[in-house]
Amino acid sequence: MKEVKVILADCPGLGRVQLCECNSIHLNLGPVTVNLAPEAFAQAADLIHHAMEQLTKIVDAKRLEEDPFSTLATQKNQFLH
């Protein structure tokens, strides 16, 4: 049986996100492929989104010539113990 894949996102030159019939999400970034359960993919997306928010704060602070780390609240990272 031929494997069915649905392309969820595609960025030529960067990567692709696919859903396959095995109920996995295949995240391709350059030569690297990460296979994730849909729940793990959702957590990874939240993690990247949060990182982008923090990066935006740092970039904005640098534009204002502030200490970029003063805008970040000290927080416990749920992924590090």
N, C-alpha and C. Protein backbone atom coordinates (compact mmCIF):
# COMPACT_ATOMS: atom_id res chain seq x y z
N MET A 1 0.83 -1.17 0.00
CA MET A 1 0.00 0.00 0.00
C MET A 1 0.89 1.24 0.00
N LYS A 2 0.55 2.19 -0.83
CA LYS A 2 1.32 3.42 -0.93
C LYS A 2 1.05 4.30 0.29
N GLU A 3 2.13 4.86 0.86
CA GLU A 3 2.01 5.73 2.03
C GLU A 3 1.41 7.07 1.63
N VAL A 4 0.38 7.49 2.33
CA VAL A 4 -0.29 8.76 2.06
C VAL A 4 0.36 9.84 2.91
N LYS A 5 0.75 10.93 2.28
CA LYS A 5 1.32 12.06 3.01
C LYS A 5 0.59 13.33 2.61
N VAL A 6 0.33 14.16 3.59
CA VAL A 6 -0.29 15.45 3.36
C VAL A 6 0.74 16.50 3.75
N ILE A 7 1.03 17.41 2.84
CA ILE A 7 1.97 18.48 3.15
C ILE A 7 1.22 19.55 3.92
N LEU A 8 1.64 19.77 5.16
CA LEU A 8 1.01 20.78 6.02
C LEU A 8 1.65 22.15 5.82
N ALA A 9 2.95 22.16 5.50
CA ALA A 9 3.68 23.40 5.26
C ALA A 9 4.91 23.08 4.43
N ASP A 10 5.30 24.03 3.60
CA ASP A 10 6.47 23.83 2.75
C ASP A 10 7.17 25.18 2.56
N CYS A 11 8.47 25.20 2.78
CA CYS A 11 9.27 26.40 2.57
C CYS A 11 10.49 25.97 1.77
N PRO A 12 10.46 26.14 0.44
CA PRO A 12 11.57 25.72 -0.40
C PRO A 12 12.90 26.28 0.11
N GLY A 13 13.88 25.40 0.19
CA GLY A 13 15.19 25.79 0.66
C GLY A 13 15.35 25.65 2.17
N LEU A 14 14.25 25.49 2.89
CA LEU A 14 14.31 25.33 4.34
C LEU A 14 13.80 23.98 4.78
N GLY A 15 12.53 23.69 4.46
CA GLY A 15 12.00 22.42 4.92
C GLY A 15 10.53 22.25 4.62
N ARG A 16 9.98 21.21 5.24
CA ARG A 16 8.60 20.82 4.98
C ARG A 16 8.06 20.10 6.21
N VAL A 17 6.75 20.22 6.42
CA VAL A 17 6.05 19.49 7.48
C VAL A 17 4.99 18.64 6.81
N GLN A 18 5.01 17.34 7.10
CA GLN A 18 4.07 16.41 6.48
C GLN A 18 3.38 15.56 7.54
N LEU A 19 2.14 15.22 7.28
CA LEU A 19 1.39 14.26 8.08
C LEU A 19 1.31 12.99 7.25
N CYS A 20 1.66 11.86 7.84
CA CYS A 20 1.58 10.61 7.06
C CYS A 20 0.55 9.67 7.69
N GLU A 21 0.23 8.63 6.97
CA GLU A 21 -0.81 7.71 7.42
C GLU A 21 -0.42 6.95 8.69
N CYS A 22 0.85 6.99 9.06
CA CYS A 22 1.28 6.33 10.30
C CYS A 22 0.97 7.21 11.52
N ASN A 23 0.26 8.33 11.30
CA ASN A 23 -0.14 9.28 12.33
C ASN A 23 1.07 9.95 12.97
N SER A 24 2.10 10.19 12.17
CA SER A 24 3.28 10.92 12.61
C SER A 24 3.40 12.20 11.81
N ILE A 25 4.04 13.17 12.42
CA ILE A 25 4.38 14.40 11.72
C ILE A 25 5.86 14.29 11.38
N HIS A 26 6.19 14.48 10.11
CA HIS A 26 7.57 14.46 9.65
C HIS A 26 8.00 15.90 9.42
N LEU A 27 8.92 16.36 10.25
CA LEU A 27 9.44 17.72 10.15
C LEU A 27 10.81 17.64 9.49
N ASN A 28 10.91 18.15 8.26
CA ASN A 28 12.16 18.14 7.51
C ASN A 28 12.75 19.54 7.53
N LEU A 29 13.95 19.68 8.06
CA LEU A 29 14.70 20.92 8.04
C LEU A 29 16.05 20.63 7.41
N GLY A 30 16.24 21.09 6.19
CA GLY A 30 17.47 20.75 5.48
C GLY A 30 17.60 19.25 5.41
N PRO A 31 18.77 18.74 5.80
CA PRO A 31 18.99 17.29 5.71
C PRO A 31 18.46 16.50 6.91
N VAL A 32 17.84 17.19 7.86
CA VAL A 32 17.39 16.54 9.08
C VAL A 32 15.89 16.31 9.04
N THR A 33 15.46 15.10 9.42
CA THR A 33 14.05 14.79 9.55
C THR A 33 13.78 14.35 10.98
N VAL A 34 12.77 14.95 11.59
CA VAL A 34 12.34 14.58 12.93
C VAL A 34 10.91 14.05 12.81
N ASN A 35 10.69 12.85 13.31
CA ASN A 35 9.36 12.25 13.30
C ASN A 35 8.75 12.40 14.68
N LEU A 36 7.57 13.01 14.74
CA LEU A 36 6.94 13.31 16.02
C LEU A 36 5.49 12.87 16.02
N ALA A 37 5.03 12.49 17.19
CA ALA A 37 3.59 12.29 17.37
C ALA A 37 2.94 13.66 17.28
N PRO A 38 1.69 13.75 16.85
CA PRO A 38 1.04 15.06 16.73
C PRO A 38 1.10 15.89 18.02
N GLU A 39 0.97 15.25 19.18
CA GLU A 39 1.03 15.97 20.45
C GLU A 39 2.42 16.55 20.68
N ALA A 40 3.46 15.79 20.37
CA ALA A 40 4.84 16.27 20.53
C ALA A 40 5.13 17.39 19.53
N PHE A 41 4.57 17.29 18.33
CA PHE A 41 4.74 18.35 17.35
C PHE A 41 4.11 19.64 17.85
N ALA A 42 2.93 19.54 18.46
CA ALA A 42 2.26 20.72 19.00
C ALA A 42 3.09 21.35 20.11
N GLN A 43 3.70 20.53 20.97
CA GLN A 43 4.56 21.05 22.03
C GLN A 43 5.80 21.72 21.44
N ALA A 44 6.37 21.13 20.41
CA ALA A 44 7.54 21.72 19.76
C ALA A 44 7.18 23.05 19.11
N ALA A 45 6.00 23.13 18.52
CA ALA A 45 5.55 24.38 17.90
C ALA A 45 5.38 25.46 18.97
N ASP A 46 4.82 25.11 20.12
CA ASP A 46 4.68 26.07 21.22
C ASP A 46 6.06 26.52 21.71
N LEU A 47 6.99 25.60 21.81
CA LEU A 47 8.34 25.92 22.25
C LEU A 47 9.00 26.91 21.30
N ILE A 48 8.90 26.66 20.01
CA ILE A 48 9.49 27.55 19.01
C ILE A 48 8.79 28.91 19.02
N HIS A 49 7.48 28.90 19.17
CA HIS A 49 6.73 30.16 19.23
C HIS A 49 7.20 31.00 20.42
N HIS A 50 7.36 30.36 21.58
CA HIS A 50 7.82 31.06 22.78
C HIS A 50 9.24 31.60 22.56
N ALA A 51 10.08 30.81 21.95
CA ALA A 51 11.45 31.26 21.66
C ALA A 51 11.43 32.47 20.73
N MET A 52 10.54 32.48 19.75
CA MET A 52 10.45 33.61 18.83
C MET A 52 9.98 34.87 19.56
N GLU A 53 9.06 34.73 20.49
CA GLU A 53 8.62 35.87 21.29
C GLU A 53 9.79 36.45 22.08
N GLN A 54 10.59 35.58 22.70
CA GLN A 54 11.74 36.04 23.48
C GLN A 54 12.79 36.70 22.58
N LEU A 55 13.03 36.11 21.42
CA LEU A 55 13.98 36.68 20.47
C LEU A 55 13.54 38.06 20.01
N THR A 56 12.25 38.23 19.79
CA THR A 56 11.72 39.53 19.38
C THR A 56 11.99 40.58 20.46
N LYS A 57 11.81 40.21 21.73
CA LYS A 57 12.10 41.13 22.83
C LYS A 57 13.57 41.53 22.84
N ILE A 58 14.45 40.56 22.61
CA ILE A 58 15.89 40.84 22.61
C ILE A 58 16.25 41.77 21.45
N VAL A 59 15.73 41.49 20.28
CA VAL A 59 16.02 42.32 19.10
C VAL A 59 15.48 43.72 19.30
N ASP A 60 14.26 43.84 19.83
CA ASP A 60 13.69 45.16 20.09
C ASP A 60 14.52 45.94 21.11
N ALA A 61 14.99 45.26 22.16
CA ALA A 61 15.81 45.91 23.18
C ALA A 61 17.12 46.41 22.57
N LYS A 62 17.70 45.63 21.70
CA LYS A 62 18.95 46.06 21.06
C LYS A 62 18.72 47.29 20.19
N ARG A 63 17.57 47.36 19.56
CA ARG A 63 17.23 48.53 18.75
C ARG A 63 17.14 49.78 19.62
N LEU A 64 16.69 49.60 20.85
CA LEU A 64 16.55 50.72 21.78
C LEU A 64 17.81 50.92 22.62
N GLU A 65 18.86 50.15 22.32
CA GLU A 65 20.13 50.19 23.04
C GLU A 65 19.97 49.92 24.53
N GLU A 66 19.10 48.99 24.86
CA GLU A 66 18.92 48.56 26.23
C GLU A 66 19.68 47.26 26.44
N ASP A 67 19.77 46.86 27.69
CA ASP A 67 20.30 45.54 28.00
C ASP A 67 19.25 44.54 27.54
N PRO A 68 19.55 43.71 26.53
CA PRO A 68 18.52 42.82 25.98
C PRO A 68 17.97 41.81 26.98
N PHE A 69 18.73 41.49 28.01
CA PHE A 69 18.26 40.48 28.95
C PHE A 69 17.44 41.06 30.08
N SER A 70 17.40 42.39 30.19
CA SER A 70 16.60 43.00 31.26
C SER A 70 15.11 42.89 30.97
N THR A 71 14.74 42.69 29.71
CA THR A 71 13.33 42.59 29.35
C THR A 71 12.76 41.20 29.56
N LEU A 72 13.63 40.24 29.82
CA LEU A 72 13.17 38.86 29.99
C LEU A 72 12.94 38.57 31.46
N ALA A 73 11.77 38.06 31.77
CA ALA A 73 11.47 37.67 33.14
C ALA A 73 12.17 36.35 33.44
N THR A 74 12.67 36.23 34.65
CA THR A 74 13.24 34.95 35.06
C THR A 74 12.09 33.96 35.15
N GLN A 75 12.28 32.83 34.51
CA GLN A 75 11.20 31.87 34.47
C GLN A 75 11.76 30.46 34.54
N LYS A 76 10.97 29.56 35.05
CA LYS A 76 11.34 28.17 35.11
C LYS A 76 11.01 27.54 33.77
N ASN A 77 11.96 26.87 33.18
CA ASN A 77 11.76 26.23 31.89
C ASN A 77 11.22 24.83 32.14
N GLN A 78 10.05 24.55 31.59
CA GLN A 78 9.42 23.24 31.79
C GLN A 78 10.18 22.11 31.10
N PHE A 79 11.10 22.45 30.18
CA PHE A 79 11.82 21.43 29.45
C PHE A 79 13.17 21.10 30.08
N LEU A 80 13.62 21.93 31.01
CA LEU A 80 14.88 21.67 31.72
C LEU A 80 14.58 21.42 33.18
N HIS A 81 15.29 20.48 33.75
CA HIS A 81 15.08 20.16 35.17
C HIS A 81 16.32 20.48 35.95
